[in-house]
Amino acid sequence: MNTNKKIAIGLGLAGGALLAAWLLTGDRKKKTKQFVAKGADRIKKVFSEKEETDQADQDVHYV
């Protein structure tokens, strides 16, 4: 991996860390937590629906 790639990855990680720190300070902290919680709930809902459809498919018996 050359130096340019290492610098780009480092800047990306540092930028993400700064963004996370900014979002989790002050009055933005509550709004950020609510936003992340809503996203997590949506992901859980999608996976639970997928598991229910998978279980329905397993009940089929071929003759």
C-alpha atoms as a PDB file:
ATOM      1  CA  MET A   1       0.000   0.000   0.000  1.00  0.00           C
ATOM      2  CA  ASN A   2       1.569   3.271  -1.029  1.00  0.00           C
ATOM      3  CA  THR A   3       1.769   6.468   1.004  1.00  0.00           C
ATOM      4  CA  ASN A   4      -1.094   8.223  -0.789  1.00  0.00           C
ATOM      5  CA  LYS A   5      -3.514   5.421   0.045  1.00  0.00           C
ATOM      6  CA  LYS A   6      -2.412   5.409   3.691  1.00  0.00           C
ATOM      7  CA  ILE A   7      -2.917   9.163   3.946  1.00  0.00           C
ATOM      8  CA  ALA A   8      -6.356   8.944   2.321  1.00  0.00           C
ATOM      9  CA  ILE A   9      -7.468   6.177   4.689  1.00  0.00           C
ATOM     10  CA  GLY A  10      -6.128   8.097   7.686  1.00  0.00           C
ATOM     11  CA  LEU A  11      -7.940  11.273   6.662  1.00  0.00           C
ATOM     12  CA  GLY A  12     -11.155   9.307   6.150  1.00  0.00           C
ATOM     13  CA  LEU A  13     -10.943   7.746   9.591  1.00  0.00           C
ATOM     14  CA  ALA A  14     -10.066  11.057  11.229  1.00  0.00           C
ATOM     15  CA  GLY A  15     -12.956  12.788   9.456  1.00  0.00           C
ATOM     16  CA  GLY A  16     -15.373  10.099  10.594  1.00  0.00           C
ATOM     17  CA  ALA A  17     -14.149  10.398  14.165  1.00  0.00           C
ATOM     18  CA  LEU A  18     -14.571  14.172  14.096  1.00  0.00           C
ATOM     19  CA  LEU A  19     -18.082  13.854  12.673  1.00  0.00           C
ATOM     20  CA  ALA A  20     -19.059  11.322  15.337  1.00  0.00           C
ATOM     21  CA  ALA A  21     -17.642  13.556  18.081  1.00  0.00           C
ATOM     22  CA  TRP A  22     -19.540  16.572  16.748  1.00  0.00           C
ATOM     23  CA  LEU A  23     -22.807  14.629  16.456  1.00  0.00           C
ATOM     24  CA  LEU A  24     -22.542  13.315  20.009  1.00  0.00           C
ATOM     25  CA  THR A  25     -21.958  16.676  21.710  1.00  0.00           C
ATOM     26  CA  GLY A  26     -24.438  19.221  22.999  1.00  0.00           C
ATOM     27  CA  ASP A  27     -28.102  19.108  22.028  1.00  0.00           C
ATOM     28  CA  ARG A  28     -27.304  17.047  18.914  1.00  0.00           C
ATOM     29  CA  LYS A  29     -26.591  14.020  21.105  1.00  0.00           C
ATOM     30  CA  LYS A  30     -30.267  13.276  21.786  1.00  0.00           C
ATOM     31  CA  LYS A  31     -31.279  13.727  18.149  1.00  0.00           C
ATOM     32  CA  THR A  32     -28.392  11.551  16.947  1.00  0.00           C
ATOM     33  CA  LYS A  33     -29.289   8.763  19.374  1.00  0.00           C
ATOM     34  CA  GLN A  34     -32.918   8.844  18.221  1.00  0.00           C
ATOM     35  CA  PHE A  35     -31.857   8.733  14.571  1.00  0.00           C
ATOM     36  CA  VAL A  36     -29.525   5.782  15.131  1.00  0.00           C
ATOM     37  CA  ALA A  37     -32.175   3.947  17.181  1.00  0.00           C
ATOM     38  CA  LYS A  38     -34.757   4.363  14.407  1.00  0.00           C
ATOM     39  CA  GLY A  39     -32.291   2.982  11.868  1.00  0.00           C
ATOM     40  CA  ALA A  40     -31.493   0.012  14.085  1.00  0.00           C
ATOM     41  CA  ASP A  41     -35.204  -0.713  14.550  1.00  0.00           C
ATOM     42  CA  ARG A  42     -35.725  -0.656  10.776  1.00  0.00           C
ATOM     43  CA  ILE A  43     -32.843  -3.076  10.259  1.00  0.00           C
ATOM     44  CA  LYS A  44     -34.157  -5.419  12.957  1.00  0.00           C
ATOM     45  CA  LYS A  45     -37.614  -5.315  11.368  1.00  0.00           C
ATOM     46  CA  VAL A  46     -36.244  -6.199   7.929  1.00  0.00           C
ATOM     47  CA  PHE A  47     -34.260  -9.156   9.271  1.00  0.00           C
ATOM     48  CA  SER A  48     -37.144 -10.435  11.412  1.00  0.00           C
ATOM     49  CA  GLU A  49     -39.497 -10.313   8.399  1.00  0.00           C
ATOM     50  CA  LYS A  50     -36.916 -12.189   6.351  1.00  0.00           C
ATOM     51  CA  GLU A  51     -36.633 -14.902   9.028  1.00  0.00           C
ATOM     52  CA  GLU A  52     -40.430 -15.302   9.096  1.00  0.00           C
ATOM     53  CA  THR A  53     -40.573 -15.812   5.327  1.00  0.00           C
ATOM     54  CA  ASP A  54     -37.657 -18.255   5.494  1.00  0.00           C
ATOM     55  CA  GLN A  55     -39.468 -20.308   8.129  1.00  0.00           C
ATOM     56  CA  ALA A  56     -42.618 -20.396   5.980  1.00  0.00           C
ATOM     57  CA  ASP A  57     -40.583 -21.774   3.075  1.00  0.00           C
ATOM     58  CA  GLN A  58     -39.187 -24.558   5.233  1.00  0.00           C
ATOM     59  CA  ASP A  59     -42.658 -25.958   5.940  1.00  0.00           C
ATOM     60  CA  VAL A  60     -43.147 -27.047   2.324  1.00  0.00           C
ATOM     61  CA  HIS A  61     -42.922 -30.802   1.808  1.00  0.00           C
ATOM     62  CA  TYR A  62     -42.479 -32.291  -1.636  1.00  0.00           C
ATOM     63  CA  VAL A  63     -44.040 -35.609  -2.585  1.00  0.00           C
END
